[in-house]
Amino acid sequence: MARCRSCNAEIVWAVTRHGKHMPVDAEPSADGNVELVDDAGTMRATVHAQATLDAGPLHLSHYATCPDAASWRGR
């Protein structure tokens, strides 16, 4: 677990299938579309186009919920 440097929310850093690091809200969300899987100590994020029933608990990208997300884009 980590904390967002802007809003102090609990986040998980995950790696996408393209190798990019992605901040994800630590708590699952009913509106979530990000599946987190622990792969030998590395959190892997799979973004689903829509909620899938067999994916288990889904999370939201922290970029979708952070009030300061715009200040971090493009860095």
C-alpha atoms as a PDB file:
ATOM      1  CA  MET A   1       0.000   0.000   0.000  1.00  0.00           C
ATOM      2  CA  ALA A   2       1.006   3.539  -0.615  1.00  0.00           C
ATOM      3  CA  ARG A   3      -0.606   6.948  -0.286  1.00  0.00           C
ATOM      4  CA  CYS A   4      -1.320   9.495  -3.003  1.00  0.00           C
ATOM      5  CA  ARG A   5       1.028  12.466  -2.618  1.00  0.00           C
ATOM      6  CA  SER A   6      -1.789  14.873  -3.507  1.00  0.00           C
ATOM      7  CA  CYS A   7      -4.896  13.683  -1.666  1.00  0.00           C
ATOM      8  CA  ASN A   8      -3.371  11.150   0.778  1.00  0.00           C
ATOM      9  CA  ALA A   9      -5.769   8.366  -0.297  1.00  0.00           C
ATOM     10  CA  GLU A  10      -4.619   4.750   0.017  1.00  0.00           C
ATOM     11  CA  ILE A  11      -3.510   3.437  -3.370  1.00  0.00           C
ATOM     12  CA  VAL A  12      -1.848   0.383  -4.859  1.00  0.00           C
ATOM     13  CA  TRP A  13       0.786   0.749  -7.557  1.00  0.00           C
ATOM     14  CA  ALA A  14       0.182  -1.811 -10.281  1.00  0.00           C
ATOM     15  CA  VAL A  15       1.751  -2.598 -13.649  1.00  0.00           C
ATOM     16  CA  THR A  16      -0.417  -2.735 -16.765  1.00  0.00           C
ATOM     17  CA  ARG A  17       0.032  -5.269 -19.567  1.00  0.00           C
ATOM     18  CA  HIS A  18       1.999  -2.565 -21.419  1.00  0.00           C
ATOM     19  CA  GLY A  19       4.450  -2.206 -18.523  1.00  0.00           C
ATOM     20  CA  LYS A  20       3.158   1.176 -17.342  1.00  0.00           C
ATOM     21  CA  HIS A  21       2.806   1.937 -13.641  1.00  0.00           C
ATOM     22  CA  MET A  22      -0.764   2.754 -12.634  1.00  0.00           C
ATOM     23  CA  PRO A  23      -2.101   4.067  -9.314  1.00  0.00           C
ATOM     24  CA  VAL A  24      -5.262   2.187  -8.321  1.00  0.00           C
ATOM     25  CA  ASP A  25      -7.622   2.905  -5.436  1.00  0.00           C
ATOM     26  CA  ALA A  26      -6.908   0.371  -2.681  1.00  0.00           C
ATOM     27  CA  GLU A  27     -10.579  -0.300  -1.915  1.00  0.00           C
ATOM     28  CA  PRO A  28     -12.791  -2.126  -4.428  1.00  0.00           C
ATOM     29  CA  SER A  29     -15.607  -0.113  -5.993  1.00  0.00           C
ATOM     30  CA  ALA A  30     -19.034  -1.042  -7.349  1.00  0.00           C
ATOM     31  CA  ASP A  31     -18.113   1.105 -10.381  1.00  0.00           C
ATOM     32  CA  GLY A  32     -14.654  -0.439 -10.754  1.00  0.00           C
ATOM     33  CA  ASN A  33     -13.160  -1.782 -13.965  1.00  0.00           C
ATOM     34  CA  VAL A  34      -9.590  -2.592 -12.874  1.00  0.00           C
ATOM     35  CA  GLU A  35      -8.740  -6.135 -11.794  1.00  0.00           C
ATOM     36  CA  LEU A  36      -5.683  -6.504  -9.547  1.00  0.00           C
ATOM     37  CA  VAL A  37      -3.700  -9.750  -9.405  1.00  0.00           C
ATOM     38  CA  ASP A  38      -0.608 -10.378  -7.284  1.00  0.00           C
ATOM     39  CA  ASP A  39       1.977 -11.938  -9.610  1.00  0.00           C
ATOM     40  CA  ALA A  40       4.866 -13.095  -7.418  1.00  0.00           C
ATOM     41  CA  GLY A  41       4.948  -9.816  -5.509  1.00  0.00           C
ATOM     42  CA  THR A  42       4.137  -7.543  -8.456  1.00  0.00           C
ATOM     43  CA  MET A  43       0.591  -6.206  -8.678  1.00  0.00           C
ATOM     44  CA  ARG A  44      -0.731  -6.572 -12.213  1.00  0.00           C
ATOM     45  CA  ALA A  45      -3.640  -4.409 -13.406  1.00  0.00           C
ATOM     46  CA  THR A  46      -6.062  -5.487 -16.084  1.00  0.00           C
ATOM     47  CA  VAL A  47      -8.497  -2.812 -17.249  1.00  0.00           C
ATOM     48  CA  HIS A  48     -11.815  -4.221 -18.398  1.00  0.00           C
ATOM     49  CA  ALA A  49     -14.056  -2.403 -20.874  1.00  0.00           C
ATOM     50  CA  GLN A  50     -17.038  -3.330 -18.685  1.00  0.00           C
ATOM     51  CA  ALA A  51     -17.496  -5.080 -15.369  1.00  0.00           C
ATOM     52  CA  THR A  52     -17.037  -8.815 -15.691  1.00  0.00           C
ATOM     53  CA  LEU A  53     -18.698 -11.196 -13.270  1.00  0.00           C
ATOM     54  CA  ASP A  54     -15.753 -13.588 -12.984  1.00  0.00           C
ATOM     55  CA  ALA A  55     -13.111 -10.912 -12.348  1.00  0.00           C
ATOM     56  CA  GLY A  56     -13.660 -10.733  -8.593  1.00  0.00           C
ATOM     57  CA  PRO A  57     -13.506  -7.387  -6.778  1.00  0.00           C
ATOM     58  CA  LEU A  58     -12.795  -4.527  -9.172  1.00  0.00           C
ATOM     59  CA  HIS A  59     -11.089  -1.233  -8.385  1.00  0.00           C
ATOM     60  CA  LEU A  60     -10.934   2.220  -9.953  1.00  0.00           C
ATOM     61  CA  SER A  61      -7.891   3.905 -11.386  1.00  0.00           C
ATOM     62  CA  HIS A  62      -6.861   6.590  -8.917  1.00  0.00           C
ATOM     63  CA  TYR A  63      -6.752   9.045 -11.827  1.00  0.00           C
ATOM     64  CA  ALA A  64     -10.565   8.721 -11.914  1.00  0.00           C
ATOM     65  CA  THR A  65     -11.034   9.604  -8.238  1.00  0.00           C
ATOM     66  CA  CYS A  66      -8.155  11.905  -7.257  1.00  0.00           C
ATOM     67  CA  PRO A  67      -9.174  15.578  -7.068  1.00  0.00           C
ATOM     68  CA  ASP A  68      -5.641  16.547  -8.199  1.00  0.00           C
ATOM     69  CA  ALA A  69      -5.285  14.017 -11.044  1.00  0.00           C
ATOM     70  CA  ALA A  70      -4.933  16.695 -13.737  1.00  0.00           C
ATOM     71  CA  SER A  71      -1.754  18.028 -12.123  1.00  0.00           C
ATOM     72  CA  TRP A  72      -0.097  14.586 -12.525  1.00  0.00           C
ATOM     73  CA  ARG A  73      -1.029  13.865 -16.142  1.00  0.00           C
ATOM     74  CA  GLY A  74       1.672  14.232 -18.769  1.00  0.00           C
ATOM     75  CA  ARG A  75       4.605  13.940 -16.412  1.00  0.00           C
END
